[in-house]
Amino acid sequence: RSFTEHNILALTQMMTGESNKSEPGGIKSPLLGKEDADLLNDESHRPRVITPFPSPKLTDLPMFQGDHKESLYWGTYRPQLYFGVRARTPQSLVAGLMWLGAKDGKTVMRHFCENSDDLKSFGWREHNGIDFGRQELLEQDMILETSFVK
């Protein structure tokens, strides 16, 4: 085996508890120093292997197919933006809102939601999650309202 294959096998064995054991319940590995091995021997610090629940994806269920699936194709699926739309495909065209504002005598661009922007208020006032949304952005002396309608 190559050095990398040996390391991967050793790490896999440590994570699953199937490594060479120097004593009952103990882990011995050429990759770890004594302190690290002692830490892994403590059950509360041992990494756990998490397996996904064997069920279909929600989007594969019949209730999310057909017209319902098509109605969700485009939407406001761009988190951490004041306003952004995209389709639910990996290579989707994306669109959003940017504007210039003033802060401390400097011109700043707004696009990503950040606490440092000091907007008085922003967020959806109404949104049904499918084909309609309305939000208000309150910045110093400006009220900007966006709407999303399919």
N, C-alpha and C. Protein backbone atom coordinates (compact mmCIF):
# COMPACT_ATOMS: atom_id res chain seq x y z
N ARG A 1 0.84 -1.20 0.00
CA ARG A 1 0.00 0.00 0.00
C ARG A 1 0.86 1.24 0.00
N SER A 2 0.32 2.28 -0.63
CA SER A 2 1.03 3.55 -0.61
C SER A 2 0.85 4.20 0.76
N PHE A 3 1.68 5.20 1.03
CA PHE A 3 1.60 5.91 2.30
C PHE A 3 0.21 6.52 2.50
N THR A 4 -0.37 7.13 1.43
CA THR A 4 -1.69 7.75 1.52
C THR A 4 -2.77 6.72 1.81
N GLU A 5 -2.72 5.56 1.11
CA GLU A 5 -3.71 4.51 1.36
C GLU A 5 -3.62 4.04 2.80
N HIS A 6 -2.38 3.91 3.32
CA HIS A 6 -2.20 3.47 4.70
C HIS A 6 -2.82 4.48 5.67
N ASN A 7 -2.58 5.79 5.42
CA ASN A 7 -3.14 6.83 6.29
C ASN A 7 -4.66 6.83 6.26
N ILE A 8 -5.25 6.72 5.06
CA ILE A 8 -6.71 6.71 4.94
C ILE A 8 -7.29 5.52 5.67
N LEU A 9 -6.68 4.34 5.49
CA LEU A 9 -7.16 3.14 6.17
C LEU A 9 -7.05 3.30 7.68
N ALA A 10 -5.92 3.83 8.15
CA ALA A 10 -5.74 4.01 9.60
C ALA A 10 -6.78 4.99 10.17
N LEU A 11 -7.04 6.10 9.45
CA LEU A 11 -8.03 7.07 9.93
C LEU A 11 -9.44 6.46 9.93
N THR A 12 -9.76 5.71 8.88
CA THR A 12 -11.07 5.06 8.82
C THR A 12 -11.24 4.09 9.98
N GLN A 13 -10.20 3.31 10.24
CA GLN A 13 -10.27 2.35 11.34
C GLN A 13 -10.42 3.06 12.68
N MET A 14 -9.72 4.19 12.85
CA MET A 14 -9.84 4.92 14.13
C MET A 14 -11.25 5.47 14.32
N MET A 15 -11.84 6.02 13.24
CA MET A 15 -13.17 6.62 13.35
C MET A 15 -14.25 5.58 13.60
N THR A 16 -14.06 4.37 13.10
CA THR A 16 -15.06 3.33 13.30
C THR A 16 -14.75 2.47 14.50
N GLY A 17 -13.59 2.71 15.15
CA GLY A 17 -13.24 1.92 16.32
C GLY A 17 -12.68 0.56 15.97
N GLU A 18 -12.26 0.34 14.74
CA GLU A 18 -11.75 -0.96 14.30
C GLU A 18 -10.23 -0.97 14.14
N SER A 19 -9.53 -0.04 14.77
CA SER A 19 -8.08 0.04 14.60
C SER A 19 -7.37 -1.01 15.44
N ASN A 20 -6.05 -1.08 15.26
CA ASN A 20 -5.24 -1.96 16.11
C ASN A 20 -5.40 -1.49 17.54
N LYS A 21 -5.67 -2.40 18.42
CA LYS A 21 -5.92 -2.00 19.80
C LYS A 21 -4.76 -2.47 20.67
N SER A 22 -4.22 -1.56 21.43
CA SER A 22 -3.11 -1.92 22.29
C SER A 22 -3.61 -2.54 23.58
N GLU A 23 -4.82 -2.23 23.96
CA GLU A 23 -5.45 -2.78 25.15
C GLU A 23 -6.95 -2.69 24.94
N PRO A 24 -7.75 -3.39 25.73
CA PRO A 24 -9.19 -3.33 25.50
C PRO A 24 -9.69 -1.89 25.52
N GLY A 25 -10.36 -1.51 24.45
CA GLY A 25 -10.92 -0.16 24.37
C GLY A 25 -9.91 0.90 23.98
N GLY A 26 -8.64 0.52 23.75
CA GLY A 26 -7.62 1.50 23.43
C GLY A 26 -7.35 1.55 21.94
N ILE A 27 -6.91 2.71 21.46
CA ILE A 27 -6.61 2.89 20.05
C ILE A 27 -5.12 3.12 19.92
N LYS A 28 -4.50 2.39 18.97
CA LYS A 28 -3.09 2.54 18.70
C LYS A 28 -2.95 2.88 17.23
N SER A 29 -2.25 3.95 16.90
CA SER A 29 -2.09 4.34 15.51
C SER A 29 -0.75 5.00 15.32
N PRO A 30 -0.08 4.69 14.19
CA PRO A 30 1.19 5.36 13.92
C PRO A 30 1.02 6.84 13.57
N LEU A 31 -0.22 7.28 13.31
CA LEU A 31 -0.47 8.67 12.93
C LEU A 31 -0.63 9.58 14.12
N LEU A 32 -0.91 9.02 15.29
CA LEU A 32 -1.24 9.84 16.45
C LEU A 32 -0.14 9.78 17.50
N GLY A 33 0.05 10.90 18.16
CA GLY A 33 0.91 10.90 19.33
C GLY A 33 0.14 10.34 20.52
N LYS A 34 0.82 10.14 21.65
CA LYS A 34 0.19 9.54 22.82
C LYS A 34 -1.00 10.37 23.32
N GLU A 35 -0.86 11.72 23.35
CA GLU A 35 -1.95 12.56 23.84
C GLU A 35 -3.18 12.47 22.94
N ASP A 36 -2.97 12.47 21.61
CA ASP A 36 -4.10 12.34 20.69
C ASP A 36 -4.77 10.99 20.82
N ALA A 37 -3.97 9.93 20.95
CA ALA A 37 -4.55 8.59 21.10
C ALA A 37 -5.34 8.50 22.40
N ASP A 38 -4.81 9.09 23.49
CA ASP A 38 -5.55 9.09 24.76
C ASP A 38 -6.87 9.83 24.62
N LEU A 39 -6.87 10.94 23.88
CA LEU A 39 -8.09 11.70 23.66
C LEU A 39 -9.11 10.86 22.90
N LEU A 40 -8.67 10.14 21.87
CA LEU A 40 -9.59 9.29 21.11
C LEU A 40 -10.06 8.10 21.92
N ASN A 41 -9.25 7.63 22.86
CA ASN A 41 -9.67 6.51 23.71
C ASN A 41 -10.80 6.91 24.65
N ASP A 42 -10.90 8.20 24.95
CA ASP A 42 -12.00 8.71 25.77
C ASP A 42 -13.25 8.74 24.89
N GLU A 43 -14.25 7.93 25.21
CA GLU A 43 -15.47 7.80 24.41
C GLU A 43 -16.13 9.14 24.11
N SER A 44 -16.07 10.11 25.03
CA SER A 44 -16.75 11.38 24.82
C SER A 44 -16.10 12.21 23.71
N HIS A 45 -14.83 11.93 23.36
CA HIS A 45 -14.14 12.68 22.33
C HIS A 45 -13.93 11.89 21.05
N ARG A 46 -14.36 10.64 21.01
CA ARG A 46 -14.15 9.81 19.83
C ARG A 46 -15.08 10.26 18.71
N PRO A 47 -14.56 10.43 17.49
CA PRO A 47 -15.41 10.83 16.36
C PRO A 47 -16.48 9.78 16.10
N ARG A 48 -17.67 10.23 15.73
CA ARG A 48 -18.75 9.31 15.42
C ARG A 48 -18.98 9.30 13.92
N VAL A 49 -19.37 8.16 13.42
CA VAL A 49 -19.72 8.05 12.02
C VAL A 49 -21.22 8.23 11.92
N ILE A 50 -21.65 9.18 11.12
CA ILE A 50 -23.08 9.45 10.98
C ILE A 50 -23.53 8.99 9.60
N THR A 51 -24.50 8.10 9.59
CA THR A 51 -25.03 7.63 8.32
C THR A 51 -26.37 8.28 8.05
N PRO A 52 -26.61 8.71 6.81
CA PRO A 52 -27.89 9.36 6.50
C PRO A 52 -29.06 8.39 6.67
N PHE A 53 -30.20 8.94 7.01
CA PHE A 53 -31.42 8.15 7.13
C PHE A 53 -31.81 7.63 5.75
N PRO A 54 -32.05 6.33 5.60
CA PRO A 54 -32.34 5.77 4.28
C PRO A 54 -33.77 6.06 3.82
N SER A 55 -33.99 7.25 3.35
CA SER A 55 -35.33 7.62 2.87
C SER A 55 -35.18 8.44 1.60
N PRO A 56 -36.25 8.55 0.83
CA PRO A 56 -36.14 9.35 -0.40
C PRO A 56 -35.99 10.83 -0.06
N LYS A 57 -35.38 11.57 -0.99
CA LYS A 57 -35.30 13.02 -0.81
C LYS A 57 -36.70 13.59 -0.86
N LEU A 58 -36.94 14.65 -0.11
CA LEU A 58 -38.26 15.28 -0.11
C LEU A 58 -38.69 15.67 -1.52
N THR A 59 -37.76 16.17 -2.31
CA THR A 59 -38.12 16.61 -3.65
C THR A 59 -38.49 15.46 -4.58
N ASP A 60 -38.16 14.22 -4.19
CA ASP A 60 -38.52 13.05 -5.01
C ASP A 60 -39.89 12.49 -4.65
N LEU A 61 -40.50 12.97 -3.59
CA LEU A 61 -41.82 12.47 -3.19
C LEU A 61 -42.88 12.93 -4.20
N PRO A 62 -43.94 12.14 -4.39
CA PRO A 62 -44.96 12.47 -5.39
C PRO A 62 -45.58 13.86 -5.21
N MET A 63 -45.73 14.30 -3.97
CA MET A 63 -46.37 15.59 -3.73
C MET A 63 -45.53 16.77 -4.21
N PHE A 64 -44.24 16.53 -4.52
CA PHE A 64 -43.37 17.59 -5.01
C PHE A 64 -43.06 17.44 -6.49
N GLN A 65 -43.88 16.71 -7.21
CA GLN A 65 -43.68 16.49 -8.64
C GLN A 65 -44.72 17.26 -9.45
N GLY A 66 -44.59 17.22 -10.76
CA GLY A 66 -45.59 17.81 -11.66
C GLY A 66 -45.68 19.32 -11.55
N ASP A 67 -46.93 19.81 -11.50
CA ASP A 67 -47.18 21.25 -11.46
C ASP A 67 -46.55 21.92 -10.26
N HIS A 68 -46.59 21.24 -9.11
CA HIS A 68 -46.01 21.83 -7.90
C HIS A 68 -44.51 22.04 -8.08
N LYS A 69 -43.83 21.05 -8.63
CA LYS A 69 -42.38 21.17 -8.87
C LYS A 69 -42.09 22.31 -9.83
N GLU A 70 -42.89 22.42 -10.87
CA GLU A 70 -42.69 23.50 -11.85
C GLU A 70 -42.96 24.87 -11.23
N SER A 71 -43.92 24.94 -10.30
CA SER A 71 -44.23 26.24 -9.69
C SER A 71 -43.09 26.73 -8.80
N LEU A 72 -42.21 25.83 -8.38
CA LEU A 72 -41.09 26.20 -7.52
C LEU A 72 -39.77 26.36 -8.28
N TYR A 73 -39.81 26.28 -9.61
CA TYR A 73 -38.59 26.32 -10.39
C TYR A 73 -37.83 27.63 -10.21
N TRP A 74 -38.51 28.78 -10.36
CA TRP A 74 -37.91 30.09 -10.12
C TRP A 74 -38.38 30.62 -8.79
N GLY A 75 -37.52 31.30 -8.08
CA GLY A 75 -37.95 31.90 -6.82
C GLY A 75 -36.85 32.73 -6.19
N THR A 76 -37.10 33.17 -4.99
CA THR A 76 -36.15 34.00 -4.24
C THR A 76 -35.22 33.10 -3.45
N TYR A 77 -34.49 32.26 -4.16
CA TYR A 77 -33.61 31.26 -3.55
C TYR A 77 -32.17 31.74 -3.42
N ARG A 78 -31.97 32.96 -3.00
CA ARG A 78 -30.62 33.48 -2.82
C ARG A 78 -30.51 34.08 -1.42
N PRO A 79 -30.15 33.28 -0.43
CA PRO A 79 -30.05 33.78 0.94
C PRO A 79 -28.90 34.77 1.10
N GLN A 80 -28.96 35.56 2.15
CA GLN A 80 -27.97 36.57 2.52
C GLN A 80 -27.89 37.73 1.52
N LEU A 81 -28.90 37.89 0.66
CA LEU A 81 -28.97 39.04 -0.22
C LEU A 81 -30.21 39.84 0.15
N TYR A 82 -30.17 41.13 -0.08
CA TYR A 82 -31.38 41.92 0.16
C TYR A 82 -32.49 41.48 -0.79
N PHE A 83 -32.14 41.19 -2.03
CA PHE A 83 -33.12 40.64 -2.96
C PHE A 83 -32.37 39.88 -4.04
N GLY A 84 -32.75 38.64 -4.28
CA GLY A 84 -32.12 37.84 -5.32
C GLY A 84 -33.05 36.73 -5.78
N VAL A 85 -33.03 36.45 -7.07
CA VAL A 85 -33.84 35.36 -7.63
C VAL A 85 -32.94 34.45 -8.45
N ARG A 86 -33.37 33.20 -8.55
CA ARG A 86 -32.67 32.21 -9.34
C ARG A 86 -33.56 31.00 -9.56
N ALA A 87 -33.15 30.14 -10.47
CA ALA A 87 -33.86 28.89 -10.70
C ALA A 87 -33.22 27.82 -9.82
N ARG A 88 -33.91 26.73 -9.64
CA ARG A 88 -33.40 25.64 -8.81
C ARG A 88 -32.61 24.64 -9.67
N THR A 89 -31.60 25.14 -10.35
CA THR A 89 -30.69 24.29 -11.11
C THR A 89 -29.27 24.74 -10.80
N PRO A 90 -28.31 23.84 -10.89
CA PRO A 90 -26.93 24.20 -10.51
C PRO A 90 -26.33 25.33 -11.34
N GLN A 91 -26.62 25.42 -12.62
CA GLN A 91 -26.01 26.44 -13.47
C GLN A 91 -27.01 27.57 -13.80
N SER A 92 -27.86 27.91 -12.87
CA SER A 92 -28.92 28.89 -13.08
C SER A 92 -28.39 30.30 -13.29
N LEU A 93 -29.11 31.04 -14.11
CA LEU A 93 -28.91 32.47 -14.20
C LEU A 93 -29.34 33.05 -12.85
N VAL A 94 -28.58 33.98 -12.31
CA VAL A 94 -28.93 34.59 -11.03
C VAL A 94 -29.14 36.09 -11.24
N ALA A 95 -30.06 36.65 -10.49
CA ALA A 95 -30.33 38.09 -10.57
C ALA A 95 -30.49 38.62 -9.16
N GLY A 96 -30.18 39.88 -8.99
CA GLY A 96 -30.30 40.46 -7.67
C GLY A 96 -30.38 41.97 -7.74
N LEU A 97 -30.42 42.56 -6.57
CA LEU A 97 -30.54 44.01 -6.44
C LEU A 97 -29.28 44.55 -5.77
N MET A 98 -28.73 45.60 -6.35
CA MET A 98 -27.62 46.33 -5.74
C MET A 98 -27.95 47.81 -5.82
N TRP A 99 -27.54 48.55 -4.83
CA TRP A 99 -27.71 50.00 -4.88
C TRP A 99 -26.59 50.66 -4.10
N LEU A 100 -26.38 51.92 -4.40
CA LEU A 100 -25.36 52.70 -3.72
C LEU A 100 -25.99 53.54 -2.64
N GLY A 101 -25.33 53.62 -1.52
CA GLY A 101 -25.79 54.44 -0.42
C GLY A 101 -24.60 55.20 0.16
N ALA A 102 -24.86 56.04 1.13
CA ALA A 102 -23.79 56.80 1.77
C ALA A 102 -23.68 56.38 3.23
N LYS A 103 -22.44 56.26 3.68
CA LYS A 103 -22.19 55.94 5.09
C LYS A 103 -20.90 56.62 5.50
N ASP A 104 -20.98 57.44 6.52
CA ASP A 104 -19.81 58.18 7.02
C ASP A 104 -19.13 58.99 5.91
N GLY A 105 -19.94 59.59 5.03
CA GLY A 105 -19.40 60.42 3.96
C GLY A 105 -18.81 59.64 2.80
N LYS A 106 -18.94 58.31 2.82
CA LYS A 106 -18.40 57.48 1.74
C LYS A 106 -19.53 56.80 1.00
N THR A 107 -19.32 56.53 -0.27
CA THR A 107 -20.29 55.79 -1.05
C THR A 107 -20.06 54.29 -0.83
N VAL A 108 -21.11 53.58 -0.49
CA VAL A 108 -21.02 52.14 -0.26
C VAL A 108 -22.06 51.42 -1.12
N MET A 109 -21.71 50.22 -1.53
CA MET A 109 -22.64 49.43 -2.33
C MET A 109 -23.36 48.45 -1.42
N ARG A 110 -24.65 48.33 -1.61
CA ARG A 110 -25.46 47.37 -0.85
C ARG A 110 -25.84 46.22 -1.78
N HIS A 111 -25.65 45.02 -1.32
CA HIS A 111 -26.05 43.83 -2.07
C HIS A 111 -26.24 42.67 -1.08
N PHE A 112 -25.19 42.36 -0.31
CA PHE A 112 -25.26 41.31 0.69
C PHE A 112 -25.79 41.88 2.00
N CYS A 113 -26.63 41.13 2.70
CA CYS A 113 -27.14 41.57 4.00
C CYS A 113 -26.00 41.53 5.02
N GLU A 114 -25.70 42.65 5.59
CA GLU A 114 -24.66 42.72 6.61
C GLU A 114 -25.12 43.64 7.73
N ASN A 115 -24.85 43.25 8.97
CA ASN A 115 -25.22 44.09 10.11
C ASN A 115 -24.55 45.45 10.04
N SER A 116 -23.36 45.51 9.46
CA SER A 116 -22.63 46.78 9.40
C SER A 116 -23.28 47.78 8.44
N ASP A 117 -24.27 47.35 7.64
CA ASP A 117 -24.95 48.27 6.73
C ASP A 117 -25.85 49.24 7.48
N ASP A 118 -26.22 48.93 8.70
CA ASP A 118 -27.04 49.79 9.55
C ASP A 118 -28.36 50.21 8.90
N LEU A 119 -29.02 49.29 8.19
CA LEU A 119 -30.35 49.59 7.69
C LEU A 119 -31.30 49.59 8.89
N LYS A 120 -32.27 50.47 8.88
CA LYS A 120 -33.24 50.52 9.97
C LYS A 120 -34.07 49.25 10.00
N SER A 121 -34.41 48.75 8.81
CA SER A 121 -35.23 47.55 8.71
C SER A 121 -35.11 46.97 7.31
N PHE A 122 -35.20 45.65 7.21
CA PHE A 122 -35.30 45.01 5.91
C PHE A 122 -35.88 43.62 6.11
N GLY A 123 -36.52 43.13 5.09
CA GLY A 123 -37.07 41.77 5.14
C GLY A 123 -38.41 41.69 4.46
N TRP A 124 -38.84 40.47 4.24
CA TRP A 124 -40.12 40.22 3.58
C TRP A 124 -41.27 40.60 4.49
N ARG A 125 -42.16 41.42 4.01
CA ARG A 125 -43.40 41.75 4.73
C ARG A 125 -44.47 40.71 4.40
N GLU A 126 -44.42 40.24 3.15
CA GLU A 126 -45.33 39.18 2.70
C GLU A 126 -44.54 38.28 1.76
N HIS A 127 -44.75 36.98 1.86
CA HIS A 127 -44.12 36.03 0.93
C HIS A 127 -44.82 34.70 1.08
N ASN A 128 -45.35 34.16 -0.03
CA ASN A 128 -46.04 32.88 0.08
C ASN A 128 -45.15 31.70 -0.27
N GLY A 129 -43.88 31.94 -0.58
CA GLY A 129 -42.94 30.86 -0.85
C GLY A 129 -43.06 30.26 -2.23
N ILE A 130 -44.02 30.72 -3.02
CA ILE A 130 -44.21 30.13 -4.34
C ILE A 130 -44.14 31.18 -5.44
N ASP A 131 -45.05 32.16 -5.40
CA ASP A 131 -45.12 33.06 -6.54
C ASP A 131 -45.33 34.53 -6.20
N PHE A 132 -45.18 34.90 -4.95
CA PHE A 132 -45.41 36.30 -4.57
C PHE A 132 -44.57 36.64 -3.35
N GLY A 133 -44.02 37.85 -3.36
CA GLY A 133 -43.32 38.37 -2.20
C GLY A 133 -43.20 39.88 -2.27
N ARG A 134 -43.20 40.53 -1.11
CA ARG A 134 -43.04 41.98 -1.03
C ARG A 134 -42.18 42.29 0.18
N GLN A 135 -41.19 43.13 -0.02
CA GLN A 135 -40.34 43.50 1.11
C GLN A 135 -40.05 44.99 1.10
N GLU A 136 -39.66 45.48 2.27
CA GLU A 136 -39.26 46.88 2.41
C GLU A 136 -37.86 46.93 3.00
N LEU A 137 -37.06 47.83 2.44
CA LEU A 137 -35.72 48.09 2.94
C LEU A 137 -35.70 49.55 3.37
N LEU A 138 -35.42 49.80 4.64
CA LEU A 138 -35.40 51.18 5.16
C LEU A 138 -33.96 51.57 5.45
N GLU A 139 -33.46 52.54 4.66
CA GLU A 139 -32.10 53.02 4.84
C GLU A 139 -32.15 54.53 5.02
N GLN A 140 -31.62 55.03 6.11
CA GLN A 140 -31.64 56.45 6.49
C GLN A 140 -32.89 57.17 5.96
N ASP A 141 -32.77 57.87 4.84
CA ASP A 141 -33.90 58.66 4.36
C ASP A 141 -34.53 58.05 3.10
N MET A 142 -34.35 56.75 2.90
CA MET A 142 -34.87 56.10 1.70
C MET A 142 -35.66 54.84 2.08
N ILE A 143 -36.80 54.67 1.43
CA ILE A 143 -37.58 53.43 1.56
C ILE A 143 -37.56 52.76 0.20
N LEU A 144 -37.00 51.56 0.15
CA LEU A 144 -36.91 50.82 -1.09
C LEU A 144 -37.83 49.60 -0.96
N GLU A 145 -38.79 49.48 -1.87
CA GLU A 145 -39.73 48.34 -1.82
C GLU A 145 -39.49 47.47 -3.04
N THR A 146 -39.35 46.16 -2.80
CA THR A 146 -39.21 45.21 -3.90
C THR A 146 -40.41 44.26 -3.88
N SER A 147 -40.76 43.79 -5.06
CA SER A 147 -41.84 42.81 -5.18
C SER A 147 -41.37 41.70 -6.10
N PHE A 148 -41.85 40.51 -5.82
CA PHE A 148 -41.57 39.35 -6.64
C PHE A 148 -42.89 38.71 -7.00
N VAL A 149 -43.17 38.63 -8.30
CA VAL A 149 -44.42 38.03 -8.76
C VAL A 149 -44.10 37.12 -9.95
N LYS A 150 -44.62 35.90 -9.90
CA LYS A 150 -44.47 35.00 -11.05
C LYS A 150 -45.76 34.96 -11.82
